Amino acid sequence: MTPELCKSHTYHKRIGGPDNAFRYSVDYVLSEPEVESKSPPLLSRNAFNVAAIHDRDHGGPIGNGRGAAWVRAALADRGLDRFAEMRVLLLAQPRVLGYLFNPVSFWMIVDEHDTLFAVIAEVNNTFGDRHSYLCYHDDLRPIQPADTLVAQKLMHVSPFQKTEGTYSFRFDLGPEHYGVRIDFRVGNGGLLATLTGKRQKLTSAGILASVIRRPFGSARVVALIYYQAIKLKLKGAKFIARPTPPQSEIS
């Protein structure tokens, strides 16, 4: 497939005190890393450009990833050979002028009809840790927009949320849009996060417009994360120190 621009919005709402919510715009790129396709001049793969997607940024340790090859190996290691033979798509923020921070990226496993069967949510925190959550139905049926897939939280993400509890995921991959809903719950608290966007053709003009609208790409995302952390601290949220990260790459 030809890489697509996903003009998106993310919404976060804290559950339990202190109250906090925000909504920001953000741009993602949906691509099929294993397929050679014609990209606009301002987007490169594994090379510096205004926008770029590097295999080493995804699939495995941060900075030493193996891209889609890691995804296929992870699926095969878990006996999911049927999924390991399907198409592998990546929904992620690109590097902008060489800089990258993706709070979460998504590997999407689809068949020849673009039907979604599995998702690997690749979660990163600002401490330099990464852990991925593999989501699929036990009977291997397709994932529908109304389906909920549950995973145990294993990695520290926010310094104001415990490293326990559960994630409830919902995924919607349509021909013109996509949506992700993550409902994290621990006790009476938690966090609701959504990421929604429209799929459209990726062009150099679209890349430039994105850079102008949101200068510095994911560097802006990091700044906003720290801004929200300061707000929570001032509201009296309890700081939780970073525990030892999980040893496993994926669960």
C-alpha atoms as a PDB file:
ATOM      1  CA  MET A   1       0.000   0.000   0.000  1.00  0.00           C
ATOM      2  CA  THR A   2       1.032   3.631  -0.493  1.00  0.00           C
ATOM      3  CA  PRO A   3       1.718   5.391   2.843  1.00  0.00           C
ATOM      4  CA  GLU A   4      -1.255   7.349   4.128  1.00  0.00           C
ATOM      5  CA  LEU A   5      -1.542  10.434   6.306  1.00  0.00           C
ATOM      6  CA  CYS A   6      -3.857  10.012   9.296  1.00  0.00           C
ATOM      7  CA  LYS A   7      -4.883  13.440  10.557  1.00  0.00           C
ATOM      8  CA  SER A   8      -5.774  12.545  14.104  1.00  0.00           C
ATOM      9  CA  HIS A   9      -6.934  13.717  17.503  1.00  0.00           C
ATOM     10  CA  THR A  10      -6.027  12.215  20.847  1.00  0.00           C
ATOM     11  CA  TYR A  11      -8.158  12.613  23.945  1.00  0.00           C
ATOM     12  CA  HIS A  12      -7.153  11.719  27.503  1.00  0.00           C
ATOM     13  CA  LYS A  13      -9.355  11.854  30.588  1.00  0.00           C
ATOM     14  CA  ARG A  14      -8.176  10.893  34.060  1.00  0.00           C
ATOM     15  CA  ILE A  15     -10.573   8.703  36.040  1.00  0.00           C
ATOM     16  CA  GLY A  16     -10.535   9.389  39.772  1.00  0.00           C
ATOM     17  CA  GLY A  17      -9.019  12.472  41.359  1.00  0.00           C
ATOM     18  CA  PRO A  18      -7.584  14.842  40.572  1.00  0.00           C
ATOM     19  CA  ASP A  19      -9.621  15.554  37.452  1.00  0.00           C
ATOM     20  CA  ASN A  20      -7.694  16.254  34.260  1.00  0.00           C
ATOM     21  CA  ALA A  21      -8.529  15.998  30.568  1.00  0.00           C
ATOM     22  CA  PHE A  22      -7.067  17.228  27.301  1.00  0.00           C
ATOM     23  CA  ARG A  23      -7.491  16.896  23.554  1.00  0.00           C
ATOM     24  CA  TYR A  24      -4.725  17.492  21.013  1.00  0.00           C
ATOM     25  CA  SER A  25      -4.291  17.093  17.283  1.00  0.00           C
ATOM     26  CA  VAL A  26      -1.500  14.828  16.030  1.00  0.00           C
ATOM     27  CA  ASP A  27      -0.514  13.299  12.695  1.00  0.00           C
ATOM     28  CA  TYR A  28       0.219   9.616  12.170  1.00  0.00           C
ATOM     29  CA  VAL A  29       1.355   7.703   9.089  1.00  0.00           C
ATOM     30  CA  LEU A  30      -0.135   4.350   8.124  1.00  0.00           C
ATOM     31  CA  SER A  31       2.284   2.273   6.044  1.00  0.00           C
ATOM     32  CA  GLU A  32       3.128  -1.274   5.010  1.00  0.00           C
ATOM     33  CA  PRO A  33       6.869  -1.431   5.780  1.00  0.00           C
ATOM     34  CA  GLU A  34       7.588  -4.626   3.845  1.00  0.00           C
ATOM     35  CA  VAL A  35       6.146  -3.295   0.587  1.00  0.00           C
ATOM     36  CA  GLU A  36       8.172  -1.014  -1.649  1.00  0.00           C
ATOM     37  CA  SER A  37       5.882   1.840  -2.635  1.00  0.00           C
ATOM     38  CA  LYS A  38       6.197   5.286  -4.097  1.00  0.00           C
ATOM     39  CA  SER A  39       6.359   7.800  -1.272  1.00  0.00           C
ATOM     40  CA  PRO A  40       6.223  11.596  -1.578  1.00  0.00           C
ATOM     41  CA  PRO A  41       9.655  13.289  -1.805  1.00  0.00           C
ATOM     42  CA  LEU A  42       9.482  14.596   1.771  1.00  0.00           C
ATOM     43  CA  LEU A  43       8.977  11.127   3.306  1.00  0.00           C
ATOM     44  CA  SER A  44      11.819   8.604   3.446  1.00  0.00           C
ATOM     45  CA  ARG A  45      12.243   5.128   4.823  1.00  0.00           C
ATOM     46  CA  ASN A  46      15.432   4.469   6.785  1.00  0.00           C
ATOM     47  CA  ALA A  47      16.924   7.793   5.705  1.00  0.00           C
ATOM     48  CA  PHE A  48      16.880  11.402   6.932  1.00  0.00           C
ATOM     49  CA  ASN A  49      14.159  13.644   5.560  1.00  0.00           C
ATOM     50  CA  VAL A  50      11.551  16.139   6.690  1.00  0.00           C
ATOM     51  CA  ALA A  51       9.525  13.058   7.681  1.00  0.00           C
ATOM     52  CA  ALA A  52      10.876   9.516   7.905  1.00  0.00           C
ATOM     53  CA  ILE A  53      10.001   6.060   9.130  1.00  0.00           C
ATOM     54  CA  HIS A  54      12.888   3.859  10.283  1.00  0.00           C
ATOM     55  CA  ASP A  55      12.721   0.116  10.856  1.00  0.00           C
ATOM     56  CA  ARG A  56      15.009   0.458  13.875  1.00  0.00           C
ATOM     57  CA  ASP A  57      12.430   2.639  15.652  1.00  0.00           C
ATOM     58  CA  HIS A  58       9.814  -0.107  15.866  1.00  0.00           C
ATOM     59  CA  GLY A  59       9.581  -3.807  16.648  1.00  0.00           C
ATOM     60  CA  GLY A  60      11.946  -4.720  19.478  1.00  0.00           C
ATOM     61  CA  PRO A  61      14.234  -2.584  21.665  1.00  0.00           C
ATOM     62  CA  ILE A  62      14.114   1.184  21.200  1.00  0.00           C
ATOM     63  CA  GLY A  63      16.699   2.219  18.623  1.00  0.00           C
ATOM     64  CA  ASN A  64      17.453  -1.379  17.723  1.00  0.00           C
ATOM     65  CA  GLY A  65      14.155  -2.558  16.310  1.00  0.00           C
ATOM     66  CA  ARG A  66      13.680  -5.047  13.488  1.00  0.00           C
ATOM     67  CA  GLY A  67      10.433  -3.677  12.118  1.00  0.00           C
ATOM     68  CA  ALA A  68       7.920  -6.070  10.602  1.00  0.00           C
ATOM     69  CA  ALA A  69      10.356  -9.004  10.886  1.00  0.00           C
ATOM     70  CA  TRP A  70      10.062  -8.724  14.682  1.00  0.00           C
ATOM     71  CA  VAL A  71       6.264  -8.746  14.412  1.00  0.00           C
ATOM     72  CA  ARG A  72       6.226 -11.916  12.313  1.00  0.00           C
ATOM     73  CA  ALA A  73       8.660 -13.644  14.676  1.00  0.00           C
ATOM     74  CA  ALA A  74       6.617 -12.625  17.731  1.00  0.00           C
ATOM     75  CA  LEU A  75       3.445 -14.038  16.179  1.00  0.00           C
ATOM     76  CA  ALA A  76       5.120 -17.283  15.098  1.00  0.00           C
ATOM     77  CA  ASP A  77       6.705 -17.765  18.542  1.00  0.00           C
ATOM     78  CA  ARG A  78       3.208 -17.720  20.035  1.00  0.00           C
ATOM     79  CA  GLY A  79       1.864 -20.278  17.605  1.00  0.00           C
ATOM     80  CA  LEU A  80      -0.029 -17.679  15.586  1.00  0.00           C
ATOM     81  CA  ASP A  81       1.329 -18.894  12.236  1.00  0.00           C
ATOM     82  CA  ARG A  82      -1.828 -17.860  10.410  1.00  0.00           C
ATOM     83  CA  PHE A  83      -1.375 -14.253  11.534  1.00  0.00           C
ATOM     84  CA  ALA A  84       2.367 -14.365  10.851  1.00  0.00           C
ATOM     85  CA  GLU A  85       1.612 -14.901   7.161  1.00  0.00           C
ATOM     86  CA  MET A  86      -0.766 -11.921   6.860  1.00  0.00           C
ATOM     87  CA  ARG A  87      -0.006  -8.337   5.874  1.00  0.00           C
ATOM     88  CA  VAL A  88       1.656  -6.158   8.517  1.00  0.00           C
ATOM     89  CA  LEU A  89       0.754  -2.448   8.726  1.00  0.00           C
ATOM     90  CA  LEU A  90       2.320   0.162  10.987  1.00  0.00           C
ATOM     91  CA  LEU A  91       0.425   3.150  12.401  1.00  0.00           C
ATOM     92  CA  ALA A  92       2.975   5.513  13.939  1.00  0.00           C
ATOM     93  CA  GLN A  93       4.166   9.075  14.127  1.00  0.00           C
ATOM     94  CA  PRO A  94       7.096   9.591  11.757  1.00  0.00           C
ATOM     95  CA  ARG A  95      10.420  11.124  12.614  1.00  0.00           C
ATOM     96  CA  VAL A  96      10.290  14.877  11.903  1.00  0.00           C
ATOM     97  CA  LEU A  97      13.684  16.337  10.992  1.00  0.00           C
ATOM     98  CA  GLY A  98      15.261  13.326  12.673  1.00  0.00           C
ATOM     99  CA  TYR A  99      13.433  13.481  16.016  1.00  0.00           C
ATOM    100  CA  LEU A 100      10.963  10.865  17.242  1.00  0.00           C
ATOM    101  CA  PHE A 101       8.896  10.004  20.281  1.00  0.00           C
ATOM    102  CA  ASN A 102       5.850   7.781  19.910  1.00  0.00           C
ATOM    103  CA  PRO A 103       3.863   7.303  23.136  1.00  0.00           C
ATOM    104  CA  VAL A 104       2.147   4.423  21.353  1.00  0.00           C
ATOM    105  CA  SER A 105       2.349   2.912  17.876  1.00  0.00           C
ATOM    106  CA  PHE A 106       0.250   0.102  16.486  1.00  0.00           C
ATOM    107  CA  TRP A 107       1.209  -2.900  14.384  1.00  0.00           C
ATOM    108  CA  MET A 108      -1.964  -4.030  12.605  1.00  0.00           C
ATOM    109  CA  ILE A 109      -2.268  -7.534  11.177  1.00  0.00           C
ATOM    110  CA  VAL A 110      -4.736  -7.661   8.280  1.00  0.00           C
ATOM    111  CA  ASP A 111      -5.680 -10.085   5.514  1.00  0.00           C
ATOM    112  CA  GLU A 112      -5.846  -9.370   1.775  1.00  0.00           C
ATOM    113  CA  HIS A 113      -9.218  -7.652   2.307  1.00  0.00           C
ATOM    114  CA  ASP A 114      -7.847  -5.331   5.022  1.00  0.00           C
ATOM    115  CA  THR A 115      -9.814  -7.195   7.692  1.00  0.00           C
ATOM    116  CA  LEU A 116      -8.177  -6.699  11.082  1.00  0.00           C
ATOM    117  CA  PHE A 117      -7.178  -9.842  13.003  1.00  0.00           C
ATOM    118  CA  ALA A 118      -4.524  -8.749  15.520  1.00  0.00           C
ATOM    119  CA  VAL A 119      -2.895  -5.598  16.879  1.00  0.00           C
ATOM    120  CA  ILE A 120       0.376  -5.088  18.718  1.00  0.00           C
ATOM    121  CA  ALA A 121       0.255  -1.874  20.759  1.00  0.00           C
ATOM    122  CA  GLU A 122       3.857  -0.691  21.113  1.00  0.00           C
ATOM    123  CA  VAL A 123       3.966   1.502  24.226  1.00  0.00           C
ATOM    124  CA  ASN A 124       6.875   3.809  25.075  1.00  0.00           C
ATOM    125  CA  ASN A 125       7.406   5.986  28.131  1.00  0.00           C
ATOM    126  CA  THR A 126       9.553   9.056  28.692  1.00  0.00           C
ATOM    127  CA  PHE A 127      12.000   6.985  30.802  1.00  0.00           C
ATOM    128  CA  GLY A 128      13.213   5.134  27.698  1.00  0.00           C
ATOM    129  CA  ASP A 129      11.258   1.914  28.306  1.00  0.00           C
ATOM    130  CA  ARG A 130       9.107  -0.015  25.840  1.00  0.00           C
ATOM    131  CA  HIS A 131       6.630  -2.854  26.170  1.00  0.00           C
ATOM    132  CA  SER A 132       4.191  -4.211  23.584  1.00  0.00           C
ATOM    133  CA  TYR A 133       0.732  -5.699  24.121  1.00  0.00           C
ATOM    134  CA  LEU A 134      -0.533  -8.308  21.654  1.00  0.00           C
ATOM    135  CA  CYS A 135      -4.304  -8.175  21.161  1.00  0.00           C
ATOM    136  CA  TYR A 136      -6.362 -10.848  19.389  1.00  0.00           C
ATOM    137  CA  HIS A 137      -9.332 -13.133  19.960  1.00  0.00           C
ATOM    138  CA  ASP A 138      -8.599 -16.588  21.347  1.00  0.00           C
ATOM    139  CA  ASP A 139     -10.641 -18.134  18.526  1.00  0.00           C
ATOM    140  CA  LEU A 140      -8.658 -16.048  15.984  1.00  0.00           C
ATOM    141  CA  ARG A 141     -11.765 -14.363  14.573  1.00  0.00           C
ATOM    142  CA  PRO A 142     -11.535 -10.828  13.105  1.00  0.00           C
ATOM    143  CA  ILE A 143     -11.494  -7.832  15.435  1.00  0.00           C
ATOM    144  CA  GLN A 144     -14.681  -5.781  15.079  1.00  0.00           C
ATOM    145  CA  PRO A 145     -15.030  -2.125  16.186  1.00  0.00           C
ATOM    146  CA  ALA A 146     -17.320  -3.083  19.093  1.00  0.00           C
ATOM    147  CA  ASP A 147     -14.982  -5.808  20.419  1.00  0.00           C
ATOM    148  CA  THR A 148     -13.027  -5.292  23.644  1.00  0.00           C
ATOM    149  CA  LEU A 149      -9.635  -6.937  24.147  1.00  0.00           C
ATOM    150  CA  VAL A 150      -8.093  -6.926  27.618  1.00  0.00           C
ATOM    151  CA  ALA A 151      -4.413  -6.933  28.639  1.00  0.00           C
ATOM    152  CA  GLN A 152      -2.675  -6.717  32.000  1.00  0.00           C
ATOM    153  CA  LYS A 153      -0.649  -3.529  32.418  1.00  0.00           C
ATOM    154  CA  LEU A 154       3.033  -4.394  32.938  1.00  0.00           C
ATOM    155  CA  MET A 155       5.016  -1.224  32.198  1.00  0.00           C
ATOM    156  CA  HIS A 156       5.142   2.102  34.037  1.00  0.00           C
ATOM    157  CA  VAL A 157       3.878   4.868  31.761  1.00  0.00           C
ATOM    158  CA  SER A 158       2.643   7.841  33.761  1.00  0.00           C
ATOM    159  CA  PRO A 159       4.353   8.788  37.056  1.00  0.00           C
ATOM    160  CA  PHE A 160       0.841   9.441  38.388  1.00  0.00           C
ATOM    161  CA  GLN A 161      -0.640   6.009  37.612  1.00  0.00           C
ATOM    162  CA  LYS A 162       0.161   2.627  39.181  1.00  0.00           C
ATOM    163  CA  THR A 163       1.926  -0.129  37.246  1.00  0.00           C
ATOM    164  CA  GLU A 164      -0.922  -2.574  37.682  1.00  0.00           C
ATOM    165  CA  GLY A 165      -4.511  -2.870  36.531  1.00  0.00           C
ATOM    166  CA  THR A 166      -5.832  -3.642  33.066  1.00  0.00           C
ATOM    167  CA  TYR A 167      -6.039  -2.122  29.617  1.00  0.00           C
ATOM    168  CA  SER A 168      -9.244  -2.591  27.620  1.00  0.00           C
ATOM    169  CA  PHE A 169      -8.571  -1.992  23.917  1.00  0.00           C
ATOM    170  CA  ARG A 170     -10.993  -1.322  21.066  1.00  0.00           C
ATOM    171  CA  PHE A 171      -9.826  -0.985  17.451  1.00  0.00           C
ATOM    172  CA  ASP A 172     -11.588   0.253  14.325  1.00  0.00           C
ATOM    173  CA  LEU A 173      -9.759   0.159  10.981  1.00  0.00           C
ATOM    174  CA  GLY A 174     -12.007   1.359   8.180  1.00  0.00           C
ATOM    175  CA  PRO A 175     -11.183   2.296   4.571  1.00  0.00           C
ATOM    176  CA  GLU A 176     -11.367   6.023   5.334  1.00  0.00           C
ATOM    177  CA  HIS A 177     -10.793   6.232   9.088  1.00  0.00           C
ATOM    178  CA  TYR A 178      -9.311   4.525  12.108  1.00  0.00           C
ATOM    179  CA  GLY A 179      -9.980   4.614  15.827  1.00  0.00           C
ATOM    180  CA  VAL A 180      -8.316   3.288  18.978  1.00  0.00           C
ATOM    181  CA  ARG A 181      -9.810   3.379  22.472  1.00  0.00           C
ATOM    182  CA  ILE A 182      -7.759   2.428  25.541  1.00  0.00           C
ATOM    183  CA  ASP A 183      -9.527   2.241  28.891  1.00  0.00           C
ATOM    184  CA  PHE A 184      -7.048   1.742  31.739  1.00  0.00           C
ATOM    185  CA  ARG A 185      -8.519   0.817  35.117  1.00  0.00           C
ATOM    186  CA  VAL A 186      -6.935   0.166  38.492  1.00  0.00           C
ATOM    187  CA  GLY A 187      -9.218   0.151  41.516  1.00  0.00           C
ATOM    188  CA  ASN A 188     -11.515   3.175  41.275  1.00  0.00           C
ATOM    189  CA  GLY A 189      -9.104   5.124  39.106  1.00  0.00           C
ATOM    190  CA  GLY A 190      -7.511   4.999  35.697  1.00  0.00           C
ATOM    191  CA  LEU A 191      -7.410   6.758  32.374  1.00  0.00           C
ATOM    192  CA  LEU A 192      -9.461   6.857  29.199  1.00  0.00           C
ATOM    193  CA  ALA A 193      -7.474   7.539  26.012  1.00  0.00           C
ATOM    194  CA  THR A 194      -8.659   7.663  22.424  1.00  0.00           C
ATOM    195  CA  LEU A 195      -6.889   8.176  19.114  1.00  0.00           C
ATOM    196  CA  THR A 196      -9.028   8.787  16.044  1.00  0.00           C
ATOM    197  CA  GLY A 197      -8.270  10.009  12.561  1.00  0.00           C
ATOM    198  CA  LYS A 198      -9.090  10.130   8.868  1.00  0.00           C
ATOM    199  CA  ARG A 199      -7.019   8.242   6.314  1.00  0.00           C
ATOM    200  CA  GLN A 200      -5.961  10.194   3.248  1.00  0.00           C
ATOM    201  CA  LYS A 201      -3.274  10.232   0.589  1.00  0.00           C
ATOM    202  CA  LEU A 202       0.124  11.256   1.916  1.00  0.00           C
ATOM    203  CA  THR A 203       1.732  14.064  -0.082  1.00  0.00           C
ATOM    204  CA  SER A 204       4.681  16.382   0.408  1.00  0.00           C
ATOM    205  CA  ALA A 205       2.213  19.268   0.666  1.00  0.00           C
ATOM    206  CA  GLY A 206       0.435  17.412   3.466  1.00  0.00           C
ATOM    207  CA  ILE A 207       3.733  16.808   5.273  1.00  0.00           C
ATOM    208  CA  LEU A 208       4.670  20.492   5.055  1.00  0.00           C
ATOM    209  CA  ALA A 209       1.213  21.531   6.252  1.00  0.00           C
ATOM    210  CA  SER A 210       1.560  19.174   9.211  1.00  0.00           C
ATOM    211  CA  VAL A 211       4.970  20.576  10.133  1.00  0.00           C
ATOM    212  CA  ILE A 212       3.618  24.121   9.944  1.00  0.00           C
ATOM    213  CA  ARG A 213       0.524  23.286  12.012  1.00  0.00           C
ATOM    214  CA  ARG A 214       2.483  21.332  14.608  1.00  0.00           C
ATOM    215  CA  PRO A 215       6.154  22.375  14.522  1.00  0.00           C
ATOM    216  CA  PHE A 216       8.773  19.840  15.684  1.00  0.00           C
ATOM    217  CA  GLY A 217       6.430  16.862  15.356  1.00  0.00           C
ATOM    218  CA  SER A 218       6.768  14.451  18.252  1.00  0.00           C
ATOM    219  CA  ALA A 219       9.043  16.875  20.163  1.00  0.00           C
ATOM    220  CA  ARG A 220       5.836  18.831  20.677  1.00  0.00           C
ATOM    221  CA  VAL A 221       4.230  15.660  22.044  1.00  0.00           C
ATOM    222  CA  VAL A 222       6.966  15.303  24.676  1.00  0.00           C
ATOM    223  CA  ALA A 223       6.553  18.953  25.690  1.00  0.00           C
ATOM    224  CA  LEU A 224       2.804  18.460  26.083  1.00  0.00           C
ATOM    225  CA  ILE A 225       3.365  15.327  28.199  1.00  0.00           C
ATOM    226  CA  TYR A 226       5.536  17.283  30.629  1.00  0.00           C
ATOM    227  CA  TYR A 227       3.055  20.170  30.619  1.00  0.00           C
ATOM    228  CA  GLN A 228       0.243  17.815  31.659  1.00  0.00           C
ATOM    229  CA  ALA A 229       2.513  16.256  34.309  1.00  0.00           C
ATOM    230  CA  ILE A 230       3.142  19.691  35.832  1.00  0.00           C
ATOM    231  CA  LYS A 231      -0.606  20.374  35.869  1.00  0.00           C
ATOM    232  CA  LEU A 232      -1.293  17.089  37.666  1.00  0.00           C
ATOM    233  CA  LYS A 233       1.440  17.732  40.221  1.00  0.00           C
ATOM    234  CA  LEU A 234       0.021  21.180  40.962  1.00  0.00           C
ATOM    235  CA  LYS A 235      -3.424  19.590  41.379  1.00  0.00           C
ATOM    236  CA  GLY A 236      -2.010  17.283  44.033  1.00  0.00           C
ATOM    237  CA  ALA A 237      -1.576  14.028  42.128  1.00  0.00           C
ATOM    238  CA  LYS A 238       0.676  11.566  43.945  1.00  0.00           C
ATOM    239  CA  PHE A 239       4.009  10.896  42.221  1.00  0.00           C
ATOM    240  CA  ILE A 240       4.868   7.213  41.752  1.00  0.00           C
ATOM    241  CA  ALA A 241       8.526   6.319  41.181  1.00  0.00           C
ATOM    242  CA  ARG A 242       9.451   4.267  38.127  1.00  0.00           C
ATOM    243  CA  PRO A 243       9.674   0.570  39.008  1.00  0.00           C
ATOM    244  CA  THR A 244      11.903  -1.925  37.222  1.00  0.00           C
ATOM    245  CA  PRO A 245      10.585  -2.314  33.650  1.00  0.00           C
ATOM    246  CA  PRO A 246       9.343  -5.731  32.482  1.00  0.00           C
ATOM    247  CA  GLN A 247      11.947  -8.119  31.125  1.00  0.00           C
ATOM    248  CA  SER A 248       9.709  -9.359  28.316  1.00  0.00           C
ATOM    249  CA  GLU A 249       9.303  -7.322  25.125  1.00  0.00           C
ATOM    250  CA  ILE A 250       5.723  -8.390  24.517  1.00  0.00           C
ATOM    251  CA  SER A 251       2.793  -9.817  26.444  1.00  0.00           C
END
